[in-house]
Amino acid sequence: MGHGHKSKGHKLKRMFEGERDPAEMSTWIFSLTPLGIAFAFYFVFLLPLEIENKDLLYVVGAAAGFSGLQAYWIARGWKREEGVTVVLGFVGIFFAFVLTWAYIGLTR
């Protein structure tokens, strides 16, 4: 058992003791741009189709895309040992889930 092996508990402690890169927020905001472009194409291609509950496809598609982006940020935060980034990623996924659930509950 060597000293090179680091426990997960030690990693978690380092993640929340260290400082977050201040440029991380602007990088996150910039990462929304390709997601927005992809959703615009998704919207345009679904627009002419006669599909039942098309609004639901838009809401679920947006939530799925946003959640996928948040999953990337969770992995990035874990790798860079930035606990705040990981927590915010989970908060983002939870937020997307709650909004989607609320939309379905209010419109169905």
PDB file of N, CA and C in Angstrom:
ATOM      1  N   MET A   1       0.848  -1.174   0.000  1.00  0.00           N
ATOM      2  CA  MET A   1       0.000   0.000   0.000  1.00  0.00           C
ATOM      3  C   MET A   1       0.895   1.240   0.000  1.00  0.00           C
ATOM      4  N   GLY A   2       0.966   1.882  -1.147  1.00  0.00           N
ATOM      5  CA  GLY A   2       1.858   3.032  -1.271  1.00  0.00           C
ATOM      6  C   GLY A   2       1.156   4.334  -0.961  1.00  0.00           C
ATOM      7  N   HIS A   3       1.939   5.387  -0.923  1.00  0.00           N
ATOM      8  CA  HIS A   3       1.388   6.717  -0.649  1.00  0.00           C
ATOM      9  C   HIS A   3       0.829   7.382  -1.894  1.00  0.00           C
ATOM     10  N   GLY A   4       1.065   6.772  -3.064  1.00  0.00           N
ATOM     11  CA  GLY A   4       0.591   7.358  -4.311  1.00  0.00           C
ATOM     12  C   GLY A   4      -0.913   7.252  -4.472  1.00  0.00           C
ATOM     13  N   HIS A   5      -1.565   6.324  -3.774  1.00  0.00           N
ATOM     14  CA  HIS A   5      -3.009   6.136  -3.880  1.00  0.00           C
ATOM     15  C   HIS A   5      -3.708   7.158  -2.983  1.00  0.00           C
ATOM     16  N   LYS A   6      -4.589   7.953  -3.586  1.00  0.00           N
ATOM     17  CA  LYS A   6      -5.323   8.964  -2.823  1.00  0.00           C
ATOM     18  C   LYS A   6      -6.764   8.508  -2.649  1.00  0.00           C
ATOM     19  N   SER A   7      -7.297   8.648  -1.468  1.00  0.00           N
ATOM     20  CA  SER A   7      -8.668   8.226  -1.212  1.00  0.00           C
ATOM     21  C   SER A   7      -9.651   9.229  -1.799  1.00  0.00           C
ATOM     22  N   LYS A   8     -10.867   8.740  -2.033  1.00  0.00           N
ATOM     23  CA  LYS A   8     -11.901   9.616  -2.563  1.00  0.00           C
ATOM     24  C   LYS A   8     -12.279  10.674  -1.537  1.00  0.00           C
ATOM     25  N   GLY A   9     -12.259  10.319  -0.280  1.00  0.00           N
ATOM     26  CA  GLY A   9     -12.570  11.296   0.762  1.00  0.00           C
ATOM     27  C   GLY A   9     -11.594  12.460   0.743  1.00  0.00           C
ATOM     28  N   HIS A  10     -10.326  12.151   0.524  1.00  0.00           N
ATOM     29  CA  HIS A  10      -9.303  13.194   0.436  1.00  0.00           C
ATOM     30  C   HIS A  10      -9.557  14.076  -0.790  1.00  0.00           C
ATOM     31  N   LYS A  11      -9.949  13.456  -1.907  1.00  0.00           N
ATOM     32  CA  LYS A  11     -10.236  14.217  -3.119  1.00  0.00           C
ATOM     33  C   LYS A  11     -11.417  15.156  -2.875  1.00  0.00           C
ATOM     34  N   LEU A  12     -12.472  14.653  -2.230  1.00  0.00           N
ATOM     35  CA  LEU A  12     -13.631  15.500  -1.956  1.00  0.00           C
ATOM     36  C   LEU A  12     -13.253  16.682  -1.072  1.00  0.00           C
ATOM     37  N   LYS A  13     -12.408  16.436  -0.086  1.00  0.00           N
ATOM     38  CA  LYS A  13     -11.968  17.516   0.791  1.00  0.00           C
ATOM     39  C   LYS A  13     -11.209  18.579  -0.011  1.00  0.00           C
ATOM     40  N   ARG A  14     -10.310  18.146  -0.889  1.00  0.00           N
ATOM     41  CA  ARG A  14      -9.545  19.089  -1.723  1.00  0.00           C
ATOM     42  C   ARG A  14     -10.461  19.867  -2.667  1.00  0.00           C
ATOM     43  N   MET A  15     -11.508  19.194  -3.161  1.00  0.00           N
ATOM     44  CA  MET A  15     -12.410  19.844  -4.109  1.00  0.00           C
ATOM     45  C   MET A  15     -13.102  21.058  -3.501  1.00  0.00           C
ATOM     46  N   PHE A  16     -13.427  20.966  -2.213  1.00  0.00           N
ATOM     47  CA  PHE A  16     -14.160  22.061  -1.595  1.00  0.00           C
ATOM     48  C   PHE A  16     -13.271  23.025  -0.824  1.00  0.00           C
ATOM     49  N   GLU A  17     -11.993  22.704  -0.699  1.00  0.00           N
ATOM     50  CA  GLU A  17     -11.055  23.622  -0.045  1.00  0.00           C
ATOM     51  C   GLU A  17     -10.381  24.530  -1.060  1.00  0.00           C
ATOM     52  N   GLY A  18     -10.217  24.028  -2.272  1.00  0.00           N
ATOM     53  CA  GLY A  18      -9.509  24.796  -3.292  1.00  0.00           C
ATOM     54  C   GLY A  18     -10.357  25.927  -3.835  1.00  0.00           C
ATOM     55  N   GLU A  19      -9.719  26.798  -4.594  1.00  0.00           N
ATOM     56  CA  GLU A  19     -10.434  27.917  -5.189  1.00  0.00           C
ATOM     57  C   GLU A  19     -10.885  27.546  -6.584  1.00  0.00           C
ATOM     58  N   ARG A  20     -12.013  28.092  -6.969  1.00  0.00           N
ATOM     59  CA  ARG A  20     -12.558  27.865  -8.303  1.00  0.00           C
ATOM     60  C   ARG A  20     -11.946  28.888  -9.257  1.00  0.00           C
ATOM     61  N   ASP A  21     -11.672  28.420 -10.465  1.00  0.00           N
ATOM     62  CA  ASP A  21     -11.141  29.301 -11.500  1.00  0.00           C
ATOM     63  C   ASP A  21     -12.191  30.371 -11.808  1.00  0.00           C
ATOM     64  N   PRO A  22     -11.856  31.668 -11.666  1.00  0.00           N
ATOM     65  CA  PRO A  22     -12.850  32.725 -11.898  1.00  0.00           C
ATOM     66  C   PRO A  22     -13.376  32.743 -13.338  1.00  0.00           C
ATOM     67  N   ALA A  23     -12.595  32.263 -14.288  1.00  0.00           N
ATOM     68  CA  ALA A  23     -13.019  32.254 -15.689  1.00  0.00           C
ATOM     69  C   ALA A  23     -14.008  31.129 -15.973  1.00  0.00           C
ATOM     70  N   GLU A  24     -14.221  30.237 -14.997  1.00  0.00           N
ATOM     71  CA  GLU A  24     -15.090  29.078 -15.202  1.00  0.00           C
ATOM     72  C   GLU A  24     -16.525  29.498 -15.517  1.00  0.00           C
ATOM     73  N   MET A  25     -17.023  30.558 -14.890  1.00  0.00           N
ATOM     74  CA  MET A  25     -18.399  30.995 -15.137  1.00  0.00           C
ATOM     75  C   MET A  25     -18.569  31.475 -16.572  1.00  0.00           C
ATOM     76  N   SER A  26     -17.631  32.258 -17.069  1.00  0.00           N
ATOM     77  CA  SER A  26     -17.747  32.732 -18.448  1.00  0.00           C
ATOM     78  C   SER A  26     -17.598  31.571 -19.431  1.00  0.00           C
ATOM     79  N   THR A  27     -16.780  30.585 -19.084  1.00  0.00           N
ATOM     80  CA  THR A  27     -16.641  29.400 -19.931  1.00  0.00           C
ATOM     81  C   THR A  27     -17.955  28.631 -19.967  1.00  0.00           C
ATOM     82  N   TRP A  28     -18.639  28.534 -18.823  1.00  0.00           N
ATOM     83  CA  TRP A  28     -19.930  27.845 -18.764  1.00  0.00           C
ATOM     84  C   TRP A  28     -20.956  28.569 -19.626  1.00  0.00           C
ATOM     85  N   ILE A  29     -21.023  29.897 -19.500  1.00  0.00           N
ATOM     86  CA  ILE A  29     -21.973  30.677 -20.289  1.00  0.00           C
ATOM     87  C   ILE A  29     -21.687  30.502 -21.778  1.00  0.00           C
ATOM     88  N   PHE A  30     -20.405  30.529 -22.144  1.00  0.00           N
ATOM     89  CA  PHE A  30     -20.030  30.346 -23.548  1.00  0.00           C
ATOM     90  C   PHE A  30     -20.416  28.951 -24.033  1.00  0.00           C
ATOM     91  N   SER A  31     -20.394  27.951 -23.154  1.00  0.00           N
ATOM     92  CA  SER A  31     -20.739  26.588 -23.557  1.00  0.00           C
ATOM     93  C   SER A  31     -22.225  26.450 -23.877  1.00  0.00           C
ATOM     94  N   LEU A  32     -23.034  27.415 -23.450  1.00  0.00           N
ATOM     95  CA  LEU A  32     -24.458  27.384 -23.786  1.00  0.00           C
ATOM     96  C   LEU A  32     -24.704  27.743 -25.254  1.00  0.00           C
ATOM     97  N   THR A  33     -23.755  28.425 -25.897  1.00  0.00           N
ATOM     98  CA  THR A  33     -23.929  28.850 -27.283  1.00  0.00           C
ATOM     99  C   THR A  33     -24.164  27.680 -28.235  1.00  0.00           C
ATOM    100  N   PRO A  34     -23.293  26.642 -28.259  1.00  0.00           N
ATOM    101  CA  PRO A  34     -23.570  25.534 -29.183  1.00  0.00           C
ATOM    102  C   PRO A  34     -24.874  24.810 -28.851  1.00  0.00           C
ATOM    103  N   LEU A  35     -25.232  24.761 -27.558  1.00  0.00           N
ATOM    104  CA  LEU A  35     -26.488  24.139 -27.172  1.00  0.00           C
ATOM    105  C   LEU A  35     -27.665  24.938 -27.742  1.00  0.00           C
ATOM    106  N   GLY A  36     -27.575  26.245 -27.660  1.00  0.00           N
ATOM    107  CA  GLY A  36     -28.621  27.109 -28.216  1.00  0.00           C
ATOM    108  C   GLY A  36     -28.750  26.960 -29.726  1.00  0.00           C
ATOM    109  N   ILE A  37     -27.618  26.861 -30.403  1.00  0.00           N
ATOM    110  CA  ILE A  37     -27.638  26.672 -31.856  1.00  0.00           C
ATOM    111  C   ILE A  37     -28.262  25.321 -32.211  1.00  0.00           C
ATOM    112  N   ALA A  38     -27.879  24.275 -31.482  1.00  0.00           N
ATOM    113  CA  ALA A  38     -28.441  22.945 -31.729  1.00  0.00           C
ATOM    114  C   ALA A  38     -29.953  22.958 -31.482  1.00  0.00           C
ATOM    115  N   PHE A  39     -30.400  23.635 -30.430  1.00  0.00           N
ATOM    116  CA  PHE A  39     -31.833  23.680 -30.153  1.00  0.00           C
ATOM    117  C   PHE A  39     -32.568  24.464 -31.232  1.00  0.00           C
ATOM    118  N   ALA A  40     -31.951  25.518 -31.763  1.00  0.00           N
ATOM    119  CA  ALA A  40     -32.580  26.283 -32.850  1.00  0.00           C
ATOM    120  C   ALA A  40     -32.825  25.381 -34.058  1.00  0.00           C
ATOM    121  N   PHE A  41     -31.836  24.560 -34.410  1.00  0.00           N
ATOM    122  CA  PHE A  41     -32.024  23.619 -35.522  1.00  0.00           C
ATOM    123  C   PHE A  41     -33.105  22.599 -35.182  1.00  0.00           C
ATOM    124  N   TYR A  42     -33.115  22.093 -33.964  1.00  0.00           N
ATOM    125  CA  TYR A  42     -34.124  21.138 -33.498  1.00  0.00           C
ATOM    126  C   TYR A  42     -35.516  21.747 -33.648  1.00  0.00           C
ATOM    127  N   PHE A  43     -35.654  22.998 -33.213  1.00  0.00           N
ATOM    128  CA  PHE A  43     -36.925  23.710 -33.296  1.00  0.00           C
ATOM    129  C   PHE A  43     -37.362  23.876 -34.752  1.00  0.00           C
ATOM    130  N   VAL A  44     -36.447  24.330 -35.608  1.00  0.00           N
ATOM    131  CA  VAL A  44     -36.773  24.582 -37.008  1.00  0.00           C
ATOM    132  C   VAL A  44     -37.168  23.291 -37.730  1.00  0.00           C
ATOM    133  N   PHE A  45     -36.470  22.201 -37.472  1.00  0.00           N
ATOM    134  CA  PHE A  45     -36.787  20.945 -38.157  1.00  0.00           C
ATOM    135  C   PHE A  45     -38.096  20.332 -37.671  1.00  0.00           C
ATOM    136  N   LEU A  46     -38.471  20.558 -36.412  1.00  0.00           N
ATOM    137  CA  LEU A  46     -39.746  20.034 -35.911  1.00  0.00           C
ATOM    138  C   LEU A  46     -40.931  20.922 -36.287  1.00  0.00           C
ATOM    139  N   LEU A  47     -40.676  22.190 -36.560  1.00  0.00           N
ATOM    140  CA  LEU A  47     -41.734  23.160 -36.803  1.00  0.00           C
ATOM    141  C   LEU A  47     -42.745  22.723 -37.869  1.00  0.00           C
ATOM    142  N   PRO A  48     -42.318  22.289 -39.048  1.00  0.00           N
ATOM    143  CA  PRO A  48     -43.309  21.956 -40.085  1.00  0.00           C
ATOM    144  C   PRO A  48     -43.983  20.587 -39.887  1.00  0.00           C
ATOM    145  N   LEU A  49     -43.498  19.772 -38.989  1.00  0.00           N
ATOM    146  CA  LEU A  49     -44.049  18.434 -38.804  1.00  0.00           C
ATOM    147  C   LEU A  49     -45.344  18.470 -38.006  1.00  0.00           C
ATOM    148  N   GLU A  50     -46.282  17.646 -38.422  1.00  0.00           N
ATOM    149  CA  GLU A  50     -47.547  17.517 -37.688  1.00  0.00           C
ATOM    150  C   GLU A  50     -47.386  16.403 -36.653  1.00  0.00           C
ATOM    151  N   ILE A  51     -46.983  16.778 -35.467  1.00  0.00           N
ATOM    152  CA  ILE A  51     -46.745  15.812 -34.404  1.00  0.00           C
ATOM    153  C   ILE A  51     -47.615  16.196 -33.214  1.00  0.00           C
ATOM    154  N   GLU A  52     -48.260  15.179 -32.613  1.00  0.00           N
ATOM    155  CA  GLU A  52     -49.019  15.432 -31.404  1.00  0.00           C
ATOM    156  C   GLU A  52     -48.070  15.795 -30.262  1.00  0.00           C
ATOM    157  N   ASN A  53     -48.474  16.683 -29.428  1.00  0.00           N
ATOM    158  CA  ASN A  53     -47.680  17.097 -28.258  1.00  0.00           C
ATOM    159  C   ASN A  53     -46.291  17.612 -28.638  1.00  0.00           C
ATOM    160  N   LYS A  54     -46.207  18.378 -29.712  1.00  0.00           N
ATOM    161  CA  LYS A  54     -44.918  18.917 -30.156  1.00  0.00           C
ATOM    162  C   LYS A  54     -44.276  19.793 -29.090  1.00  0.00           C
ATOM    163  N   ASP A  55     -45.093  20.523 -28.346  1.00  0.00           N
ATOM    164  CA  ASP A  55     -44.558  21.367 -27.278  1.00  0.00           C
ATOM    165  C   ASP A  55     -43.797  20.535 -26.250  1.00  0.00           C
ATOM    166  N   LEU A  56     -44.299  19.336 -25.976  1.00  0.00           N
ATOM    167  CA  LEU A  56     -43.632  18.447 -25.036  1.00  0.00           C
ATOM    168  C   LEU A  56     -42.261  18.006 -25.575  1.00  0.00           C
ATOM    169  N   LEU A  57     -42.185  17.782 -26.871  1.00  0.00           N
ATOM    170  CA  LEU A  57     -40.891  17.433 -27.477  1.00  0.00           C
ATOM    171  C   LEU A  57     -39.891  18.576 -27.329  1.00  0.00           C
ATOM    172  N   TYR A  58     -40.375  19.799 -27.482  1.00  0.00           N
ATOM    173  CA  TYR A  58     -39.485  20.954 -27.313  1.00  0.00           C
ATOM    174  C   TYR A  58     -38.978  21.051 -25.873  1.00  0.00           C
ATOM    175  N   VAL A  59     -39.885  20.913 -24.914  1.00  0.00           N
ATOM    176  CA  VAL A  59     -39.513  21.047 -23.499  1.00  0.00           C
ATOM    177  C   VAL A  59     -38.555  19.931 -23.087  1.00  0.00           C
ATOM    178  N   VAL A  60     -38.909  18.693 -23.423  1.00  0.00           N
ATOM    179  CA  VAL A  60     -38.065  17.559 -23.046  1.00  0.00           C
ATOM    180  C   VAL A  60     -36.729  17.619 -23.787  1.00  0.00           C
ATOM    181  N   GLY A  61     -36.744  18.021 -25.057  1.00  0.00           N
ATOM    182  CA  GLY A  61     -35.493  18.153 -25.827  1.00  0.00           C
ATOM    183  C   GLY A  61     -34.562  19.196 -25.223  1.00  0.00           C
ATOM    184  N   ALA A  62     -35.126  20.335 -24.828  1.00  0.00           N
ATOM    185  CA  ALA A  62     -34.310  21.385 -24.207  1.00  0.00           C
ATOM    186  C   ALA A  62     -33.758  20.907 -22.871  1.00  0.00           C
ATOM    187  N   ALA A  63     -34.594  20.240 -22.068  1.00  0.00           N
ATOM    188  CA  ALA A  63     -34.142  19.744 -20.761  1.00  0.00           C
ATOM    189  C   ALA A  63     -33.054  18.680 -20.926  1.00  0.00           C
ATOM    190  N   ALA A  64     -33.228  17.799 -21.916  1.00  0.00           N
ATOM    191  CA  ALA A  64     -32.231  16.749 -22.147  1.00  0.00           C
ATOM    192  C   ALA A  64     -30.897  17.351 -22.594  1.00  0.00           C
ATOM    193  N   GLY A  65     -30.949  18.318 -23.501  1.00  0.00           N
ATOM    194  CA  GLY A  65     -29.717  18.968 -23.954  1.00  0.00           C
ATOM    195  C   GLY A  65     -29.015  19.699 -22.828  1.00  0.00           C
ATOM    196  N   PHE A  66     -29.771  20.434 -22.039  1.00  0.00           N
ATOM    197  CA  PHE A  66     -29.203  21.174 -20.912  1.00  0.00           C
ATOM    198  C   PHE A  66     -28.621  20.218 -19.873  1.00  0.00           C
ATOM    199  N   SER A  67     -29.330  19.120 -19.596  1.00  0.00           N
ATOM    200  CA  SER A  67     -28.842  18.135 -18.622  1.00  0.00           C
ATOM    201  C   SER A  67     -27.567  17.465 -19.109  1.00  0.00           C
ATOM    202  N   GLY A  68     -27.491  17.203 -20.407  1.00  0.00           N
ATOM    203  CA  GLY A  68     -26.264  16.633 -20.977  1.00  0.00           C
ATOM    204  C   GLY A  68     -25.088  17.574 -20.799  1.00  0.00           C
ATOM    205  N   LEU A  69     -25.324  18.859 -21.014  1.00  0.00           N
ATOM    206  CA  LEU A  69     -24.272  19.855 -20.817  1.00  0.00           C
ATOM    207  C   LEU A  69     -23.856  19.902 -19.347  1.00  0.00           C
ATOM    208  N   GLN A  70     -24.816  19.821 -18.449  1.00  0.00           N
ATOM    209  CA  GLN A  70     -24.497  19.825 -17.019  1.00  0.00           C
ATOM    210  C   GLN A  70     -23.691  18.588 -16.622  1.00  0.00           C
ATOM    211  N   ALA A  71     -24.005  17.449 -17.244  1.00  0.00           N
ATOM    212  CA  ALA A  71     -23.242  16.224 -16.964  1.00  0.00           C
ATOM    213  C   ALA A  71     -21.778  16.412 -17.370  1.00  0.00           C
ATOM    214  N   TYR A  72     -21.557  17.104 -18.494  1.00  0.00           N
ATOM    215  CA  TYR A  72     -20.185  17.413 -18.909  1.00  0.00           C
ATOM    216  C   TYR A  72     -19.496  18.264 -17.836  1.00  0.00           C
ATOM    217  N   TRP A  73     -20.213  19.267 -17.313  1.00  0.00           N
ATOM    218  CA  TRP A  73     -19.620  20.157 -16.314  1.00  0.00           C
ATOM    219  C   TRP A  73     -19.356  19.435 -14.998  1.00  0.00           C
ATOM    220  N   ILE A  74     -20.192  18.456 -14.658  1.00  0.00           N
ATOM    221  CA  ILE A  74     -19.939  17.647 -13.460  1.00  0.00           C
ATOM    222  C   ILE A  74     -18.628  16.880 -13.635  1.00  0.00           C
ATOM    223  N   ALA A  75     -18.467  16.251 -14.799  1.00  0.00           N
ATOM    224  CA  ALA A  75     -17.226  15.507 -15.072  1.00  0.00           C
ATOM    225  C   ALA A  75     -16.023  16.440 -15.084  1.00  0.00           C
ATOM    226  N   ARG A  76     -16.180  17.612 -15.674  1.00  0.00           N
ATOM    227  CA  ARG A  76     -15.077  18.586 -15.720  1.00  0.00           C
ATOM    228  C   ARG A  76     -14.702  19.056 -14.315  1.00  0.00           C
ATOM    229  N   GLY A  77     -15.707  19.349 -13.507  1.00  0.00           N
ATOM    230  CA  GLY A  77     -15.450  19.806 -12.140  1.00  0.00           C
ATOM    231  C   GLY A  77     -14.769  18.731 -11.312  1.00  0.00           C
ATOM    232  N   TRP A  78     -15.169  17.465 -11.510  1.00  0.00           N
ATOM    233  CA  TRP A  78     -14.552  16.364 -10.783  1.00  0.00           C
ATOM    234  C   TRP A  78     -13.082  16.230 -11.174  1.00  0.00           C
ATOM    235  N   LYS A  79     -12.822  16.329 -12.469  1.00  0.00           N
ATOM    236  CA  LYS A  79     -11.444  16.181 -12.959  1.00  0.00           C
ATOM    237  C   LYS A  79     -10.562  17.328 -12.468  1.00  0.00           C
ATOM    238  N   ARG A  80     -11.105  18.537 -12.467  1.00  0.00           N
ATOM    239  CA  ARG A  80     -10.324  19.716 -12.063  1.00  0.00           C
ATOM    240  C   ARG A  80     -10.366  19.963 -10.560  1.00  0.00           C
ATOM    241  N   GLU A  81     -11.059  19.080  -9.844  1.00  0.00           N
ATOM    242  CA  GLU A  81     -11.208  19.197  -8.394  1.00  0.00           C
ATOM    243  C   GLU A  81     -11.831  20.533  -7.987  1.00  0.00           C
ATOM    244  N   GLU A  82     -12.915  20.875  -8.686  1.00  0.00           N
ATOM    245  CA  GLU A  82     -13.663  22.089  -8.375  1.00  0.00           C
ATOM    246  C   GLU A  82     -15.057  21.678  -7.916  1.00  0.00           C
ATOM    247  N   GLY A  83     -15.192  21.542  -6.611  1.00  0.00           N
ATOM    248  CA  GLY A  83     -16.433  21.054  -6.031  1.00  0.00           C
ATOM    249  C   GLY A  83     -17.642  21.907  -6.354  1.00  0.00           C
ATOM    250  N   VAL A  84     -17.454  23.213  -6.427  1.00  0.00           N
ATOM    251  CA  VAL A  84     -18.574  24.102  -6.720  1.00  0.00           C
ATOM    252  C   VAL A  84     -19.123  23.806  -8.106  1.00  0.00           C
ATOM    253  N   THR A  85     -18.257  23.531  -9.071  1.00  0.00           N
ATOM    254  CA  THR A  85     -18.689  23.208 -10.428  1.00  0.00           C
ATOM    255  C   THR A  85     -19.516  21.926 -10.426  1.00  0.00           C
ATOM    256  N   VAL A  86     -19.087  20.938  -9.658  1.00  0.00           N
ATOM    257  CA  VAL A  86     -19.825  19.674  -9.557  1.00  0.00           C
ATOM    258  C   VAL A  86     -21.207  19.922  -8.949  1.00  0.00           C
ATOM    259  N   VAL A  87     -21.249  20.657  -7.859  1.00  0.00           N
ATOM    260  CA  VAL A  87     -22.522  20.935  -7.185  1.00  0.00           C
ATOM    261  C   VAL A  87     -23.455  21.708  -8.113  1.00  0.00           C
ATOM    262  N   LEU A  88     -22.931  22.718  -8.784  1.00  0.00           N
ATOM    263  CA  LEU A  88     -23.763  23.509  -9.698  1.00  0.00           C
ATOM    264  C   LEU A  88     -24.283  22.663 -10.854  1.00  0.00           C
ATOM    265  N   GLY A  89     -23.487  21.698 -11.310  1.00  0.00           N
ATOM    266  CA  GLY A  89     -23.949  20.787 -12.363  1.00  0.00           C
ATOM    267  C   GLY A  89     -25.148  19.976 -11.913  1.00  0.00           C
ATOM    268  N   PHE A  90     -25.079  19.441 -10.684  1.00  0.00           N
ATOM    269  CA  PHE A  90     -26.211  18.683 -10.152  1.00  0.00           C
ATOM    270  C   PHE A  90     -27.426  19.586  -9.935  1.00  0.00           C
ATOM    271  N   VAL A  91     -27.189  20.815  -9.493  1.00  0.00           N
ATOM    272  CA  VAL A  91     -28.286  21.767  -9.311  1.00  0.00           C
ATOM    273  C   VAL A  91     -28.947  22.063 -10.659  1.00  0.00           C
ATOM    274  N   GLY A  92     -28.140  22.214 -11.712  1.00  0.00           N
ATOM    275  CA  GLY A  92     -28.676  22.466 -13.050  1.00  0.00           C
ATOM    276  C   GLY A  92     -29.544  21.321 -13.550  1.00  0.00           C
ATOM    277  N   ILE A  93     -29.088  20.084 -13.332  1.00  0.00           N
ATOM    278  CA  ILE A  93     -29.879  18.923 -13.747  1.00  0.00           C
ATOM    279  C   ILE A  93     -31.184  18.865 -12.956  1.00  0.00           C
ATOM    280  N   PHE A  94     -31.113  19.115 -11.653  1.00  0.00           N
ATOM    281  CA  PHE A  94     -32.310  19.115 -10.815  1.00  0.00           C
ATOM    282  C   PHE A  94     -33.283  20.203 -11.276  1.00  0.00           C
ATOM    283  N   PHE A  95     -32.769  21.383 -11.598  1.00  0.00           N
ATOM    284  CA  PHE A  95     -33.574  22.507 -12.069  1.00  0.00           C
ATOM    285  C   PHE A  95     -34.291  22.137 -13.371  1.00  0.00           C
ATOM    286  N   ALA A  96     -33.567  21.518 -14.321  1.00  0.00           N
ATOM    287  CA  ALA A  96     -34.167  21.100 -15.592  1.00  0.00           C
ATOM    288  C   ALA A  96     -35.264  20.063 -15.343  1.00  0.00           C
ATOM    289  N   PHE A  97     -35.015  19.125 -14.426  1.00  0.00           N
ATOM    290  CA  PHE A  97     -35.998  18.094 -14.098  1.00  0.00           C
ATOM    291  C   PHE A  97     -37.260  18.720 -13.508  1.00  0.00           C
ATOM    292  N   VAL A  98     -37.093  19.628 -12.551  1.00  0.00           N
ATOM    293  CA  VAL A  98     -38.240  20.254 -11.894  1.00  0.00           C
ATOM    294  C   VAL A  98     -39.052  21.074 -12.896  1.00  0.00           C
ATOM    295  N   LEU A  99     -38.385  21.843 -13.745  1.00  0.00           N
ATOM    296  CA  LEU A  99     -39.121  22.644 -14.735  1.00  0.00           C
ATOM    297  C   LEU A  99     -39.884  21.763 -15.716  1.00  0.00           C
ATOM    298  N   THR A 100     -39.257  20.672 -16.159  1.00  0.00           N
ATOM    299  CA  THR A 100     -39.926  19.759 -17.086  1.00  0.00           C
ATOM    300  C   THR A 100     -41.120  19.103 -16.404  1.00  0.00           C
ATOM    301  N   TRP A 101     -40.927  18.626 -15.193  1.00  0.00           N
ATOM    302  CA  TRP A 101     -42.002  17.993 -14.423  1.00  0.00           C
ATOM    303  C   TRP A 101     -43.152  18.977 -14.208  1.00  0.00           C
ATOM    304  N   ALA A 102     -42.816  20.219 -13.877  1.00  0.00           N
ATOM    305  CA  ALA A 102     -43.841  21.242 -13.646  1.00  0.00           C
ATOM    306  C   ALA A 102     -44.596  21.535 -14.938  1.00  0.00           C
ATOM    307  N   TYR A 103     -43.889  21.630 -16.042  1.00  0.00           N
ATOM    308  CA  TYR A 103     -44.552  21.895 -17.332  1.00  0.00           C
ATOM    309  C   TYR A 103     -45.529  20.780 -17.673  1.00  0.00           C
ATOM    310  N   ILE A 104     -45.088  19.546 -17.508  1.00  0.00           N
ATOM    311  CA  ILE A 104     -45.959  18.411 -17.808  1.00  0.00           C
ATOM    312  C   ILE A 104     -47.168  18.413 -16.868  1.00  0.00           C
ATOM    313  N   GLY A 105     -46.912  18.677 -15.586  1.00  0.00           N
ATOM    314  CA  GLY A 105     -47.994  18.704 -14.607  1.00  0.00           C
ATOM    315  C   GLY A 105     -49.012  19.801 -14.866  1.00  0.00           C
ATOM    316  N   LEU A 106     -48.560  20.951 -15.346  1.00  0.00           N
ATOM    317  CA  LEU A 106     -49.453  22.081 -15.559  1.00  0.00           C
ATOM    318  C   LEU A 106     -50.202  22.015 -16.889  1.00  0.00           C
ATOM    319  N   THR A 107     -49.622  21.328 -17.875  1.00  0.00           N
ATOM    320  CA  THR A 107     -50.233  21.342 -19.210  1.00  0.00           C
ATOM    321  C   THR A 107     -50.940  20.051 -19.569  1.00  0.00           C
ATOM    322  N   ARG A 108     -50.798  19.013 -18.775  1.00  0.00           N
ATOM    323  CA  ARG A 108     -51.421  17.727 -19.137  1.00  0.00           C
ATOM    324  C   ARG A 108     -52.548  17.389 -18.225  1.00  0.00           C
TER     325      ARG A 108
END
